[in-house]
N, C-alpha and C. Protein backbone atom coordinates (compact mmCIF):
# COMPACT_ATOMS: atom_id res chain seq x y z
N MET A 1 1.01 -1.16 0.29
CA MET A 1 0.11 -0.33 -0.07
C MET A 1 1.03 1.11 -0.09
N LYS A 2 0.58 1.86 -0.85
CA LYS A 2 1.38 3.61 -0.47
C LYS A 2 1.03 4.06 0.47
N LYS A 3 1.89 4.75 0.85
CA LYS A 3 2.11 6.02 1.74
C LYS A 3 1.57 7.33 1.99
N ARG A 4 0.97 7.47 0.49
CA ARG A 4 -0.10 9.10 0.87
C ARG A 4 -1.42 8.36 0.68
N ASP A 5 -1.61 6.80 0.66
CA ASP A 5 -2.93 6.04 0.73
C ASP A 5 -2.77 6.29 2.33
N LEU A 6 -1.95 5.87 2.67
CA LEU A 6 -2.38 5.56 4.30
C LEU A 6 -2.10 6.67 5.14
N ASN A 7 -2.25 8.04 4.73
CA ASN A 7 -2.59 9.01 5.45
C ASN A 7 -3.12 9.54 5.43
N ASN A 8 -4.42 9.14 4.44
CA ASN A 8 -5.61 9.64 4.38
C ASN A 8 -6.86 8.77 5.39
N LEU A 9 -6.34 7.74 5.71
CA LEU A 9 -7.49 6.80 6.30
C LEU A 9 -7.20 7.10 8.17
N ASP A 10 -9.01 6.75 8.82
CA ASP A 10 -8.94 7.47 9.49
C ASP A 10 -8.63 5.98 10.38
N PHE A 11 -8.95 6.47 11.75
CA PHE A 11 -8.36 5.31 12.77
C PHE A 11 -9.82 3.84 12.52
N LEU A 12 -10.73 4.06 12.10
CA LEU A 12 -11.88 2.82 11.83
C LEU A 12 -11.31 2.32 10.84
N ASP A 13 -10.62 2.87 9.91
CA ASP A 13 -10.35 2.20 8.74
C ASP A 13 -9.10 1.40 8.66
N LEU A 14 -8.07 1.70 9.76
CA LEU A 14 -6.72 1.11 10.19
C LEU A 14 -7.45 0.27 10.66
N SER A 15 -8.08 0.51 12.27
CA SER A 15 -8.47 -1.06 12.76
C SER A 15 -8.86 -2.27 11.53
N THR A 16 -10.29 -1.96 10.87
CA THR A 16 -10.75 -2.80 10.04
C THR A 16 -9.60 -3.08 8.93
N MET A 17 -9.33 -2.96 8.27
CA MET A 17 -7.75 -3.16 7.78
C MET A 17 -6.83 -3.86 8.03
N ILE A 18 -6.33 -3.71 9.33
CA ILE A 18 -5.25 -4.78 9.91
C ILE A 18 -5.97 -5.72 10.56
N THR A 19 -7.53 -6.31 10.85
CA THR A 19 -7.95 -7.38 10.95
C THR A 19 -8.08 -8.27 9.43
N ASP A 20 -8.18 -7.36 8.83
CA ASP A 20 -8.68 -8.47 7.21
C ASP A 20 -7.16 -8.87 7.17
N ASN A 21 -6.49 -8.18 6.88
CA ASN A 21 -4.54 -8.15 6.72
C ASN A 21 -4.26 -9.38 7.70
N GLU A 22 -4.54 -9.19 8.78
CA GLU A 22 -4.70 -10.28 9.72
C GLU A 22 -4.75 -11.34 9.47
N GLU A 23 -6.49 -11.31 8.83
CA GLU A 23 -7.03 -12.86 8.81
C GLU A 23 -6.09 -13.54 7.40
N ALA A 24 -5.97 -12.49 6.41
CA ALA A 24 -5.55 -12.89 4.78
C ALA A 24 -4.11 -13.78 5.47
N LEU A 25 -3.10 -13.55 6.56
CA LEU A 25 -2.11 -13.60 7.08
C LEU A 25 -2.10 -15.01 7.14
N GLN A 26 -3.30 -15.38 8.09
CA GLN A 26 -3.52 -16.31 8.73
C GLN A 26 -4.22 -17.33 7.69
N ASN A 27 -4.61 -17.14 6.41
CA ASN A 27 -4.93 -17.74 5.41
C ASN A 27 -3.78 -18.46 4.73
N LEU A 28 -2.88 -17.53 4.45
CA LEU A 28 -1.89 -17.84 3.36
C LEU A 28 -1.06 -18.38 4.32
N LYS A 29 -0.68 -18.62 5.94
CA LYS A 29 -0.08 -19.71 6.59
C LYS A 29 -0.48 -20.60 6.30
N PHE A 30 -1.81 -20.98 6.31
CA PHE A 30 -2.49 -21.86 6.00
C PHE A 30 -2.02 -22.89 4.86
N GLN A 31 -2.26 -22.12 3.68
CA GLN A 31 -1.95 -22.56 2.09
C GLN A 31 -0.48 -22.69 2.35
N LYS A 32 0.39 -22.11 3.05
CA LYS A 32 1.71 -22.65 2.74
C LYS A 32 1.87 -23.74 3.71
N ALA A 33 1.43 -24.54 4.91
CA ALA A 33 1.33 -25.36 5.74
C ALA A 33 1.21 -26.59 4.99
N MET A 34 0.34 -25.94 3.77
CA MET A 34 -0.61 -27.21 3.05
C MET A 34 0.07 -27.17 1.61
N GLN A 35 0.92 -26.46 1.76
CA GLN A 35 1.84 -26.41 0.24
C GLN A 35 0.89 -26.16 -0.75
N GLN A 36 -0.12 -25.45 -0.56
CA GLN A 36 -0.86 -24.75 -1.70
C GLN A 36 -0.45 -23.63 -2.08
N LEU A 37 0.68 -23.33 -1.86
CA LEU A 37 0.84 -21.40 -1.84
C LEU A 37 1.95 -21.38 -3.04
N GLU A 38 0.71 -20.66 -4.12
CA GLU A 38 2.15 -20.37 -5.23
C GLU A 38 3.16 -19.41 -4.81
N ASP A 39 3.18 -18.05 -4.08
CA ASP A 39 3.67 -17.03 -4.38
C ASP A 39 4.20 -16.63 -2.64
N PRO A 40 5.26 -17.24 -1.89
CA PRO A 40 5.69 -17.05 -0.79
C PRO A 40 5.76 -15.67 -0.53
N LEU A 41 6.14 -14.70 -1.15
CA LEU A 41 6.83 -13.53 -1.12
C LEU A 41 5.29 -12.66 -0.92
N GLN A 42 3.81 -12.97 -0.98
CA GLN A 42 3.04 -12.56 -0.21
C GLN A 42 2.97 -12.07 1.24
N ILE A 43 3.11 -13.23 1.79
CA ILE A 43 3.26 -13.24 3.18
C ILE A 43 4.04 -12.04 3.85
N LYS A 44 5.62 -11.90 3.13
CA LYS A 44 6.49 -10.97 3.20
C LYS A 44 5.98 -9.62 3.23
N SER A 45 5.11 -9.58 2.31
CA SER A 45 3.78 -8.24 1.79
C SER A 45 2.99 -8.27 2.81
N LEU A 46 2.63 -8.81 3.32
CA LEU A 46 1.66 -9.01 3.58
C LEU A 46 1.63 -8.29 5.41
N LYS A 47 2.85 -9.10 6.16
CA LYS A 47 3.57 -8.94 7.03
C LYS A 47 3.94 -6.81 7.11
N LYS A 48 4.72 -6.85 6.11
CA LYS A 48 4.81 -5.49 5.90
C LYS A 48 3.89 -4.33 6.19
N ASP A 49 2.83 -4.31 5.33
CA ASP A 49 1.40 -3.58 5.51
C ASP A 49 0.73 -3.96 7.36
N ILE A 50 0.78 -4.80 7.60
CA ILE A 50 0.05 -5.16 8.81
C ILE A 50 1.09 -3.91 9.71
N ALA A 51 2.43 -4.03 9.43
CA ALA A 51 3.47 -3.24 10.33
C ALA A 51 3.36 -1.82 10.19
N GLN A 52 2.91 -1.32 8.83
CA GLN A 52 2.69 -0.03 8.43
C GLN A 52 1.58 0.31 9.16
N LEU A 53 0.41 -0.37 8.94
CA LEU A 53 -0.90 0.07 9.92
C LEU A 53 -0.64 0.18 11.48
N LYS A 54 -0.13 -1.02 11.64
CA LYS A 54 -0.03 -0.87 13.24
C LYS A 54 0.86 0.82 13.35
N THR A 55 1.79 0.68 13.01
CA THR A 55 2.40 2.51 13.12
C THR A 55 1.77 3.63 13.13
N ILE A 56 0.64 3.28 12.16
CA ILE A 56 0.19 4.52 12.02
C ILE A 56 -1.05 4.39 13.28
N MET A 57 -1.58 3.32 13.46
CA MET A 57 -2.62 3.09 14.97
C MET A 57 -1.65 3.82 16.08
N LYS A 58 -0.67 3.04 16.49
CA LYS A 58 0.06 4.06 16.99
C LYS A 58 0.60 5.11 17.33
N GLU A 59 0.27 5.90 16.38
CA GLU A 59 0.47 7.43 16.10
C GLU A 59 -0.59 8.23 16.38
N PHE A 60 -1.76 7.33 16.52
CA PHE A 60 -2.99 8.06 17.15
C PHE A 60 -3.21 8.22 18.03
N ASP A 61 -2.48 6.42 18.58
CA ASP A 61 -2.67 6.76 20.01
C ASP A 61 -1.69 7.76 20.95
N LEU A 62 -0.47 7.82 20.27
CA LEU A 62 0.20 9.07 20.71
C LEU A 62 -0.01 10.39 20.60
N GLY A 63 -0.84 10.52 19.96
CA GLY A 63 -1.36 11.55 19.50
C GLY A 63 -0.75 12.70 18.41
N LEU A 64 -0.07 12.09 17.49
CA LEU A 64 0.53 12.56 16.90
C LEU A 64 0.31 12.22 15.53
N ARG A 65 -1.11 11.92 15.68
CA ARG A 65 -2.28 12.25 14.21
C ARG A 65 -3.77 12.77 14.86
N GLY A 66 -4.11 13.18 14.43
CA GLY A 66 -5.38 13.67 14.40
C GLY A 66 -6.47 12.38 15.38
N ASN A 67 -6.94 13.04 16.47
CA ASN A 67 -7.74 11.93 17.00
C ASN A 67 -9.40 12.16 16.61
N LYS A 68 -9.74 12.76 16.03
CA LYS A 68 -11.21 13.42 15.86
C LYS A 68 -11.86 12.16 15.12
N ASP A 69 -10.97 11.04 14.73
CA ASP A 69 -12.00 10.24 14.15
C ASP A 69 -12.39 8.59 15.01
N LYS A 70 -11.28 9.08 16.11
CA LYS A 70 -10.81 7.55 17.28
C LYS A 70 -12.58 8.06 18.38
N LYS A 71 -12.59 6.51 18.36
CA LYS A 71 -13.86 6.16 19.66
C LYS A 71 -13.23 5.34 20.42
């Protein structure tokens, strides 16, 4: 995901994207265990996306980003 796209997301969008990506990561790991995964680099890129999203979530928690959409 592009960095400029991440900057436009609010807190709720980030949390839903994190849960979706974590579910997708779990599915990819399951496919890898069953030896059905065609591109193992997908796991690496998905982990990177999750880390970026969690970093932005932490910025919301620390007050470095606007907290207007946080509940």
